[in-house]
Amino acid sequence: MPSRRVLHNVVLSALSVGMALLVWDLVSRPMASPELLPSPGAVLATFWQMALSGELLLAIRDSGVRVLVGYALGVVAGIVTGLMLGAVRALNDTIGLIFDFVKGIPPIALVPVVIIWLGIGETSKYVVIAYIVWIVVAISTAVGAREVPLVRLRAGVFLGLSRLAIFRRIVLPSCLPYVLAGMRSAIGFAFVALVSAELIAANSGIGQIIMDARFALQTSRMIVGLLVLGALGALAQGVFDAVVTRLKLASRF
């Protein structure tokens, strides 16, 4: 039954988290200095202090907005680029090599250049996040466009559909599972790009907390930032999976 399966998964997850905390606590005890690896209790106390002061909530809000905006921009650009590269051979022959060159540049390498072009405001962070999301979604979408079953394309031609109709009624639906897979994968990369942007040029956000804590040797604050980032990434992917399942997008075609 689904309820038993859910309960089973919850119990296993709780056990795995408990084991991880136990190992963490055992490893932290022999440490000569708590700055090297603070105990779970110390990290929890720091988390509670940061939450009560409102600092953590503000950081989550600022980082969340950056991820949402950059992710949305990157998804739109990635779908358009992927369809162009995968469905139109002439465009792939024209810009495919350029795209292969650009996708090899890591987001953190772009941060200094983007700051020079756009300053240290929010726009530069949106661009860095959108960049990596664009790459991931475009690659997945292009694969989907190239993998459209030939029998479907021939059926469209046989039925007298125009090229635009074939693209809209056959290519797009066939690409949907690949687009969704790329969008899901891009969530994790969006948080990677977020940290890359906030570590270098930001006066707020989770990445900025981690960087300030590093200079002050406040390891517990750094770990809080890392745990919050992991939790936000997992939550975002969970919400995405729930929406896809709810709308039954992946099984429509």
C-alpha atoms as a PDB file:
ATOM      1  CA  MET A   1       0.000   0.000   0.000  1.00  0.00           C
ATOM      2  CA  PRO A   2       1.209   3.572  -0.706  1.00  0.00           C
ATOM      3  CA  SER A   3       0.878   4.583   2.980  1.00  0.00           C
ATOM      4  CA  ARG A   4       3.115   1.705   4.079  1.00  0.00           C
ATOM      5  CA  ARG A   5       5.652   2.573   1.423  1.00  0.00           C
ATOM      6  CA  VAL A   6       5.706   6.203   2.545  1.00  0.00           C
ATOM      7  CA  LEU A   7       6.087   5.159   6.183  1.00  0.00           C
ATOM      8  CA  HIS A   8       8.892   2.781   5.219  1.00  0.00           C
ATOM      9  CA  ASN A   9      10.733   5.540   3.375  1.00  0.00           C
ATOM     10  CA  VAL A  10      10.284   7.955   6.283  1.00  0.00           C
ATOM     11  CA  VAL A  11      11.657   5.435   8.776  1.00  0.00           C
ATOM     12  CA  LEU A  12      14.675   4.651   6.585  1.00  0.00           C
ATOM     13  CA  SER A  13      15.366   8.358   6.071  1.00  0.00           C
ATOM     14  CA  ALA A  14      15.129   9.020   9.808  1.00  0.00           C
ATOM     15  CA  LEU A  15      17.501   6.155  10.538  1.00  0.00           C
ATOM     16  CA  SER A  16      20.034   7.348   7.967  1.00  0.00           C
ATOM     17  CA  VAL A  17      19.936  10.896   9.353  1.00  0.00           C
ATOM     18  CA  GLY A  18      20.315   9.576  12.888  1.00  0.00           C
ATOM     19  CA  MET A  19      23.309   7.455  11.921  1.00  0.00           C
ATOM     20  CA  ALA A  20      24.933  10.405  10.167  1.00  0.00           C
ATOM     21  CA  LEU A  21      24.475  12.599  13.254  1.00  0.00           C
ATOM     22  CA  LEU A  22      25.880   9.875  15.492  1.00  0.00           C
ATOM     23  CA  VAL A  23      28.979   9.461  13.331  1.00  0.00           C
ATOM     24  CA  TRP A  24      29.375  13.234  13.160  1.00  0.00           C
ATOM     25  CA  ASP A  25      29.202  13.512  16.958  1.00  0.00           C
ATOM     26  CA  LEU A  26      31.686  10.685  17.485  1.00  0.00           C
ATOM     27  CA  VAL A  27      34.153  12.174  15.006  1.00  0.00           C
ATOM     28  CA  SER A  28      33.891  15.685  16.472  1.00  0.00           C
ATOM     29  CA  ARG A  29      34.610  14.594  20.073  1.00  0.00           C
ATOM     30  CA  PRO A  30      38.363  13.816  19.638  1.00  0.00           C
ATOM     31  CA  MET A  31      38.960  17.115  17.855  1.00  0.00           C
ATOM     32  CA  ALA A  32      41.362  19.336  19.761  1.00  0.00           C
ATOM     33  CA  SER A  33      39.625  22.482  18.506  1.00  0.00           C
ATOM     34  CA  PRO A  34      35.875  22.908  17.910  1.00  0.00           C
ATOM     35  CA  GLU A  35      36.699  25.247  15.019  1.00  0.00           C
ATOM     36  CA  LEU A  36      37.804  22.228  12.998  1.00  0.00           C
ATOM     37  CA  LEU A  37      34.565  20.280  13.360  1.00  0.00           C
ATOM     38  CA  PRO A  38      31.920  21.535  15.810  1.00  0.00           C
ATOM     39  CA  SER A  39      29.536  19.017  17.299  1.00  0.00           C
ATOM     40  CA  PRO A  40      25.953  18.661  16.051  1.00  0.00           C
ATOM     41  CA  GLY A  41      24.776  20.325  19.255  1.00  0.00           C
ATOM     42  CA  ALA A  42      26.959  23.374  18.648  1.00  0.00           C
ATOM     43  CA  VAL A  43      25.740  23.665  15.065  1.00  0.00           C
ATOM     44  CA  LEU A  44      22.130  23.338  16.219  1.00  0.00           C
ATOM     45  CA  ALA A  45      22.665  26.108  18.788  1.00  0.00           C
ATOM     46  CA  THR A  46      24.162  28.341  16.091  1.00  0.00           C
ATOM     47  CA  PHE A  47      21.281  27.558  13.764  1.00  0.00           C
ATOM     48  CA  TRP A  48      18.759  28.447  16.445  1.00  0.00           C
ATOM     49  CA  GLN A  49      20.540  31.708  17.214  1.00  0.00           C
ATOM     50  CA  MET A  50      20.660  32.688  13.549  1.00  0.00           C
ATOM     51  CA  ALA A  51      17.002  31.760  13.090  1.00  0.00           C
ATOM     52  CA  LEU A  52      15.833  33.776  16.102  1.00  0.00           C
ATOM     53  CA  SER A  53      17.784  36.855  15.005  1.00  0.00           C
ATOM     54  CA  GLY A  54      16.135  36.757  11.572  1.00  0.00           C
ATOM     55  CA  GLU A  55      19.504  36.627   9.818  1.00  0.00           C
ATOM     56  CA  LEU A  56      18.936  33.170   8.407  1.00  0.00           C
ATOM     57  CA  LEU A  57      15.444  33.927   7.150  1.00  0.00           C
ATOM     58  CA  LEU A  58      16.654  37.031   5.303  1.00  0.00           C
ATOM     59  CA  ALA A  59      19.519  35.074   3.755  1.00  0.00           C
ATOM     60  CA  ILE A  60      17.139  32.313   2.621  1.00  0.00           C
ATOM     61  CA  ARG A  61      14.799  34.906   1.134  1.00  0.00           C
ATOM     62  CA  ASP A  62      17.533  36.673  -0.834  1.00  0.00           C
ATOM     63  CA  SER A  63      19.113  33.457  -2.085  1.00  0.00           C
ATOM     64  CA  GLY A  64      15.703  31.977  -2.923  1.00  0.00           C
ATOM     65  CA  VAL A  65      14.717  34.962  -5.053  1.00  0.00           C
ATOM     66  CA  ARG A  66      18.008  34.788  -6.938  1.00  0.00           C
ATOM     67  CA  VAL A  67      17.577  31.094  -7.655  1.00  0.00           C
ATOM     68  CA  LEU A  68      13.956  31.495  -8.764  1.00  0.00           C
ATOM     69  CA  VAL A  69      14.659  34.376 -11.149  1.00  0.00           C
ATOM     70  CA  GLY A  70      17.838  32.897 -12.578  1.00  0.00           C
ATOM     71  CA  TYR A  71      16.264  29.468 -12.900  1.00  0.00           C
ATOM     72  CA  ALA A  72      13.217  30.797 -14.738  1.00  0.00           C
ATOM     73  CA  LEU A  73      15.345  32.789 -17.176  1.00  0.00           C
ATOM     74  CA  GLY A  74      17.656  29.847 -17.777  1.00  0.00           C
ATOM     75  CA  VAL A  75      14.811  27.394 -18.381  1.00  0.00           C
ATOM     76  CA  VAL A  76      13.199  29.586 -21.024  1.00  0.00           C
ATOM     77  CA  ALA A  77      16.505  30.219 -22.777  1.00  0.00           C
ATOM     78  CA  GLY A  78      17.482  26.545 -22.506  1.00  0.00           C
ATOM     79  CA  ILE A  79      14.270  25.233 -24.030  1.00  0.00           C
ATOM     80  CA  VAL A  80      14.484  27.655 -26.944  1.00  0.00           C
ATOM     81  CA  THR A  81      18.169  26.907 -27.558  1.00  0.00           C
ATOM     82  CA  GLY A  82      17.715  23.155 -27.225  1.00  0.00           C
ATOM     83  CA  LEU A  83      14.842  23.077 -29.691  1.00  0.00           C
ATOM     84  CA  MET A  84      16.854  25.142 -32.152  1.00  0.00           C
ATOM     85  CA  LEU A  85      19.893  22.879 -31.882  1.00  0.00           C
ATOM     86  CA  GLY A  86      17.968  19.628 -31.895  1.00  0.00           C
ATOM     87  CA  ALA A  87      15.180  20.255 -34.384  1.00  0.00           C
ATOM     88  CA  VAL A  88      16.856  22.523 -36.945  1.00  0.00           C
ATOM     89  CA  ARG A  89      19.964  20.918 -38.418  1.00  0.00           C
ATOM     90  CA  ALA A  90      21.095  24.105 -40.159  1.00  0.00           C
ATOM     91  CA  LEU A  91      21.116  26.005 -36.872  1.00  0.00           C
ATOM     92  CA  ASN A  92      22.958  23.185 -35.135  1.00  0.00           C
ATOM     93  CA  ASP A  93      25.602  23.239 -37.858  1.00  0.00           C
ATOM     94  CA  THR A  94      25.842  27.028 -37.499  1.00  0.00           C
ATOM     95  CA  ILE A  95      25.888  27.586 -33.718  1.00  0.00           C
ATOM     96  CA  GLY A  96      26.451  24.090 -32.352  1.00  0.00           C
ATOM     97  CA  LEU A  97      30.223  24.542 -32.127  1.00  0.00           C
ATOM     98  CA  ILE A  98      29.800  27.864 -30.323  1.00  0.00           C
ATOM     99  CA  PHE A  99      27.439  26.239 -27.836  1.00  0.00           C
ATOM    100  CA  ASP A 100      29.903  23.387 -27.249  1.00  0.00           C
ATOM    101  CA  PHE A 101      32.560  25.991 -26.473  1.00  0.00           C
ATOM    102  CA  VAL A 102      30.382  28.034 -24.126  1.00  0.00           C
ATOM    103  CA  LYS A 103      29.088  25.064 -22.111  1.00  0.00           C
ATOM    104  CA  GLY A 104      32.647  24.194 -21.084  1.00  0.00           C
ATOM    105  CA  ILE A 105      33.011  27.422 -19.081  1.00  0.00           C
ATOM    106  CA  PRO A 106      32.179  26.900 -15.379  1.00  0.00           C
ATOM    107  CA  PRO A 107      29.870  29.488 -13.767  1.00  0.00           C
ATOM    108  CA  ILE A 108      32.433  30.600 -11.183  1.00  0.00           C
ATOM    109  CA  ALA A 109      34.803  31.589 -13.994  1.00  0.00           C
ATOM    110  CA  LEU A 110      32.136  33.935 -15.358  1.00  0.00           C
ATOM    111  CA  VAL A 111      31.540  35.784 -12.102  1.00  0.00           C
ATOM    112  CA  PRO A 112      34.424  38.311 -12.360  1.00  0.00           C
ATOM    113  CA  VAL A 113      33.595  39.126 -15.989  1.00  0.00           C
ATOM    114  CA  VAL A 114      29.876  39.453 -15.305  1.00  0.00           C
ATOM    115  CA  ILE A 115      30.590  41.760 -12.366  1.00  0.00           C
ATOM    116  CA  ILE A 116      32.658  44.017 -14.622  1.00  0.00           C
ATOM    117  CA  TRP A 117      29.831  44.097 -17.175  1.00  0.00           C
ATOM    118  CA  LEU A 118      26.825  44.322 -14.871  1.00  0.00           C
ATOM    119  CA  GLY A 119      28.178  45.399 -11.487  1.00  0.00           C
ATOM    120  CA  ILE A 120      27.694  43.643  -8.155  1.00  0.00           C
ATOM    121  CA  GLY A 121      23.925  44.038  -8.078  1.00  0.00           C
ATOM    122  CA  GLU A 122      21.289  41.362  -8.419  1.00  0.00           C
ATOM    123  CA  THR A 123      21.420  41.257 -12.222  1.00  0.00           C
ATOM    124  CA  SER A 124      24.890  39.723 -12.268  1.00  0.00           C
ATOM    125  CA  LYS A 125      23.756  36.939  -9.931  1.00  0.00           C
ATOM    126  CA  TYR A 126      20.683  36.245 -12.065  1.00  0.00           C
ATOM    127  CA  VAL A 127      22.889  35.948 -15.137  1.00  0.00           C
ATOM    128  CA  VAL A 128      25.343  33.522 -13.514  1.00  0.00           C
ATOM    129  CA  ILE A 129      22.536  31.253 -12.305  1.00  0.00           C
ATOM    130  CA  ALA A 130      20.637  31.495 -15.588  1.00  0.00           C
ATOM    131  CA  TYR A 131      23.785  30.588 -17.488  1.00  0.00           C
ATOM    132  CA  ILE A 132      24.255  27.143 -15.966  1.00  0.00           C
ATOM    133  CA  VAL A 133      20.514  26.408 -16.023  1.00  0.00           C
ATOM    134  CA  TRP A 134      20.456  27.379 -19.702  1.00  0.00           C
ATOM    135  CA  ILE A 135      23.295  24.961 -20.473  1.00  0.00           C
ATOM    136  CA  VAL A 136      21.733  21.999 -18.641  1.00  0.00           C
ATOM    137  CA  VAL A 137      18.218  22.489 -20.017  1.00  0.00           C
ATOM    138  CA  ALA A 138      19.459  23.172 -23.546  1.00  0.00           C
ATOM    139  CA  ILE A 139      21.508  19.969 -23.670  1.00  0.00           C
ATOM    140  CA  SER A 140      18.631  17.824 -22.440  1.00  0.00           C
ATOM    141  CA  THR A 141      16.103  19.491 -24.749  1.00  0.00           C
ATOM    142  CA  ALA A 142      18.384  19.123 -27.771  1.00  0.00           C
ATOM    143  CA  VAL A 143      18.745  15.405 -27.080  1.00  0.00           C
ATOM    144  CA  GLY A 144      14.970  15.099 -26.883  1.00  0.00           C
ATOM    145  CA  ALA A 145      14.491  16.938 -30.154  1.00  0.00           C
ATOM    146  CA  ARG A 146      16.966  14.640 -31.892  1.00  0.00           C
ATOM    147  CA  GLU A 147      15.369  11.519 -30.422  1.00  0.00           C
ATOM    148  CA  VAL A 148      11.849  12.137 -31.754  1.00  0.00           C
ATOM    149  CA  PRO A 149      10.727   8.770 -33.194  1.00  0.00           C
ATOM    150  CA  LEU A 150      10.960   8.790 -36.976  1.00  0.00           C
ATOM    151  CA  VAL A 151       7.626   7.007 -37.240  1.00  0.00           C
ATOM    152  CA  ARG A 152       5.906   9.977 -35.605  1.00  0.00           C
ATOM    153  CA  LEU A 153       7.489  12.421 -38.016  1.00  0.00           C
ATOM    154  CA  ARG A 154       6.523  10.283 -40.995  1.00  0.00           C
ATOM    155  CA  ALA A 155       2.981   9.991 -39.677  1.00  0.00           C
ATOM    156  CA  GLY A 156       2.766  13.767 -39.499  1.00  0.00           C
ATOM    157  CA  VAL A 157       3.958  14.107 -43.078  1.00  0.00           C
ATOM    158  CA  PHE A 158       1.536  11.383 -44.186  1.00  0.00           C
ATOM    159  CA  LEU A 159      -1.339  13.267 -42.542  1.00  0.00           C
ATOM    160  CA  GLY A 160      -0.392  16.416 -44.419  1.00  0.00           C
ATOM    161  CA  LEU A 161       0.722  18.448 -41.434  1.00  0.00           C
ATOM    162  CA  SER A 162       2.804  21.532 -42.061  1.00  0.00           C
ATOM    163  CA  ARG A 163       6.282  21.855 -40.624  1.00  0.00           C
ATOM    164  CA  LEU A 164       4.996  24.184 -37.935  1.00  0.00           C
ATOM    165  CA  ALA A 165       2.207  21.746 -37.052  1.00  0.00           C
ATOM    166  CA  ILE A 166       4.669  18.839 -36.905  1.00  0.00           C
ATOM    167  CA  PHE A 167       6.892  20.871 -34.628  1.00  0.00           C
ATOM    168  CA  ARG A 168       4.029  21.900 -32.345  1.00  0.00           C
ATOM    169  CA  ARG A 169       2.093  18.630 -32.247  1.00  0.00           C
ATOM    170  CA  ILE A 170       4.868  16.034 -32.529  1.00  0.00           C
ATOM    171  CA  VAL A 171       8.303  17.437 -31.707  1.00  0.00           C
ATOM    172  CA  LEU A 172       7.309  19.454 -28.632  1.00  0.00           C
ATOM    173  CA  PRO A 173       5.303  16.682 -26.909  1.00  0.00           C
ATOM    174  CA  SER A 174       8.044  14.144 -27.664  1.00  0.00           C
ATOM    175  CA  CYS A 175      10.643  16.441 -26.086  1.00  0.00           C
ATOM    176  CA  LEU A 176       8.678  17.004 -22.884  1.00  0.00           C
ATOM    177  CA  PRO A 177      10.212  14.155 -20.812  1.00  0.00           C
ATOM    178  CA  TYR A 178      13.701  15.334 -21.765  1.00  0.00           C
ATOM    179  CA  VAL A 179      12.834  18.942 -20.937  1.00  0.00           C
ATOM    180  CA  LEU A 180      11.521  17.910 -17.520  1.00  0.00           C
ATOM    181  CA  ALA A 181      14.638  15.849 -16.844  1.00  0.00           C
ATOM    182  CA  GLY A 182      16.826  18.814 -17.740  1.00  0.00           C
ATOM    183  CA  MET A 183      14.776  21.163 -15.584  1.00  0.00           C
ATOM    184  CA  ARG A 184      15.090  18.836 -12.597  1.00  0.00           C
ATOM    185  CA  SER A 185      18.840  18.438 -13.016  1.00  0.00           C
ATOM    186  CA  ALA A 186      19.234  22.187 -13.415  1.00  0.00           C
ATOM    187  CA  ILE A 187      17.837  22.810  -9.923  1.00  0.00           C
ATOM    188  CA  GLY A 188      20.976  21.469  -8.285  1.00  0.00           C
ATOM    189  CA  PHE A 189      23.229  23.340 -10.696  1.00  0.00           C
ATOM    190  CA  ALA A 190      21.308  26.548  -9.946  1.00  0.00           C
ATOM    191  CA  PHE A 191      22.327  26.312  -6.289  1.00  0.00           C
ATOM    192  CA  VAL A 192      25.932  25.647  -7.307  1.00  0.00           C
ATOM    193  CA  ALA A 193      25.895  28.807  -9.401  1.00  0.00           C
ATOM    194  CA  LEU A 194      24.176  30.696  -6.565  1.00  0.00           C
ATOM    195  CA  VAL A 195      27.042  29.959  -4.196  1.00  0.00           C
ATOM    196  CA  SER A 196      29.584  30.846  -6.883  1.00  0.00           C
ATOM    197  CA  ALA A 197      27.970  34.265  -7.266  1.00  0.00           C
ATOM    198  CA  GLU A 198      27.384  34.952  -3.576  1.00  0.00           C
ATOM    199  CA  LEU A 199      30.834  33.881  -2.437  1.00  0.00           C
ATOM    200  CA  ILE A 200      32.495  36.500  -4.619  1.00  0.00           C
ATOM    201  CA  ALA A 201      30.121  39.438  -4.764  1.00  0.00           C
ATOM    202  CA  ALA A 202      27.201  39.636  -2.372  1.00  0.00           C
ATOM    203  CA  ASN A 203      26.232  41.415   0.817  1.00  0.00           C
ATOM    204  CA  SER A 204      23.439  38.975   1.627  1.00  0.00           C
ATOM    205  CA  GLY A 205      22.449  35.365   1.081  1.00  0.00           C
ATOM    206  CA  ILE A 206      23.625  31.953   2.224  1.00  0.00           C
ATOM    207  CA  GLY A 207      26.875  32.137   0.262  1.00  0.00           C
ATOM    208  CA  GLN A 208      27.746  35.441   1.891  1.00  0.00           C
ATOM    209  CA  ILE A 209      27.174  33.934   5.350  1.00  0.00           C
ATOM    210  CA  ILE A 210      29.540  31.071   4.504  1.00  0.00           C
ATOM    211  CA  MET A 211      32.215  33.445   3.230  1.00  0.00           C
ATOM    212  CA  ASP A 212      32.031  35.780   6.250  1.00  0.00           C
ATOM    213  CA  ALA A 213      32.112  32.804   8.612  1.00  0.00           C
ATOM    214  CA  ARG A 214      35.202  31.510   6.854  1.00  0.00           C
ATOM    215  CA  PHE A 215      37.137  34.717   7.474  1.00  0.00           C
ATOM    216  CA  ALA A 216      36.054  34.730  11.129  1.00  0.00           C
ATOM    217  CA  LEU A 217      36.785  30.986  11.597  1.00  0.00           C
ATOM    218  CA  GLN A 218      33.168  30.410  12.640  1.00  0.00           C
ATOM    219  CA  THR A 219      32.905  26.854  11.394  1.00  0.00           C
ATOM    220  CA  SER A 220      29.499  26.251  12.937  1.00  0.00           C
ATOM    221  CA  ARG A 221      28.024  29.117  10.900  1.00  0.00           C
ATOM    222  CA  MET A 222      29.635  27.701   7.772  1.00  0.00           C
ATOM    223  CA  ILE A 223      28.095  24.298   8.421  1.00  0.00           C
ATOM    224  CA  VAL A 224      24.696  25.886   9.034  1.00  0.00           C
ATOM    225  CA  GLY A 225      24.965  27.566   5.651  1.00  0.00           C
ATOM    226  CA  LEU A 226      25.914  24.309   3.968  1.00  0.00           C
ATOM    227  CA  LEU A 227      23.068  22.409   5.608  1.00  0.00           C
ATOM    228  CA  VAL A 228      20.556  25.094   4.658  1.00  0.00           C
ATOM    229  CA  LEU A 229      21.759  25.029   1.060  1.00  0.00           C
ATOM    230  CA  GLY A 230      21.381  21.256   0.917  1.00  0.00           C
ATOM    231  CA  ALA A 231      17.926  21.446   2.476  1.00  0.00           C
ATOM    232  CA  LEU A 232      16.792  24.146   0.046  1.00  0.00           C
ATOM    233  CA  GLY A 233      18.050  22.156  -2.929  1.00  0.00           C
ATOM    234  CA  ALA A 234      16.326  18.987  -1.764  1.00  0.00           C
ATOM    235  CA  LEU A 235      13.116  20.906  -1.048  1.00  0.00           C
ATOM    236  CA  ALA A 236      13.165  22.527  -4.479  1.00  0.00           C
ATOM    237  CA  GLN A 237      13.581  19.167  -6.209  1.00  0.00           C
ATOM    238  CA  GLY A 238      10.835  17.676  -4.051  1.00  0.00           C
ATOM    239  CA  VAL A 239       8.446  20.458  -4.995  1.00  0.00           C
ATOM    240  CA  PHE A 240       9.335  20.037  -8.657  1.00  0.00           C
ATOM    241  CA  ASP A 241       8.683  16.280  -8.504  1.00  0.00           C
ATOM    242  CA  ALA A 242       5.382  16.861  -6.714  1.00  0.00           C
ATOM    243  CA  VAL A 243       4.213  19.347  -9.349  1.00  0.00           C
ATOM    244  CA  VAL A 244       5.200  17.052 -12.217  1.00  0.00           C
ATOM    245  CA  THR A 245       3.450  14.119 -10.558  1.00  0.00           C
ATOM    246  CA  ARG A 246       0.386  16.186  -9.753  1.00  0.00           C
ATOM    247  CA  LEU A 247       0.039  17.437 -13.314  1.00  0.00           C
ATOM    248  CA  LYS A 248       1.088  14.038 -14.715  1.00  0.00           C
ATOM    249  CA  LEU A 249       3.299  15.803 -17.228  1.00  0.00           C
ATOM    250  CA  ALA A 250       5.880  13.049 -17.630  1.00  0.00           C
ATOM    251  CA  SER A 251       3.260  10.427 -18.569  1.00  0.00           C
ATOM    252  CA  ARG A 252       1.176  12.383 -21.020  1.00  0.00           C
ATOM    253  CA  PHE A 253       3.214  11.514 -24.063  1.00  0.00           C
END
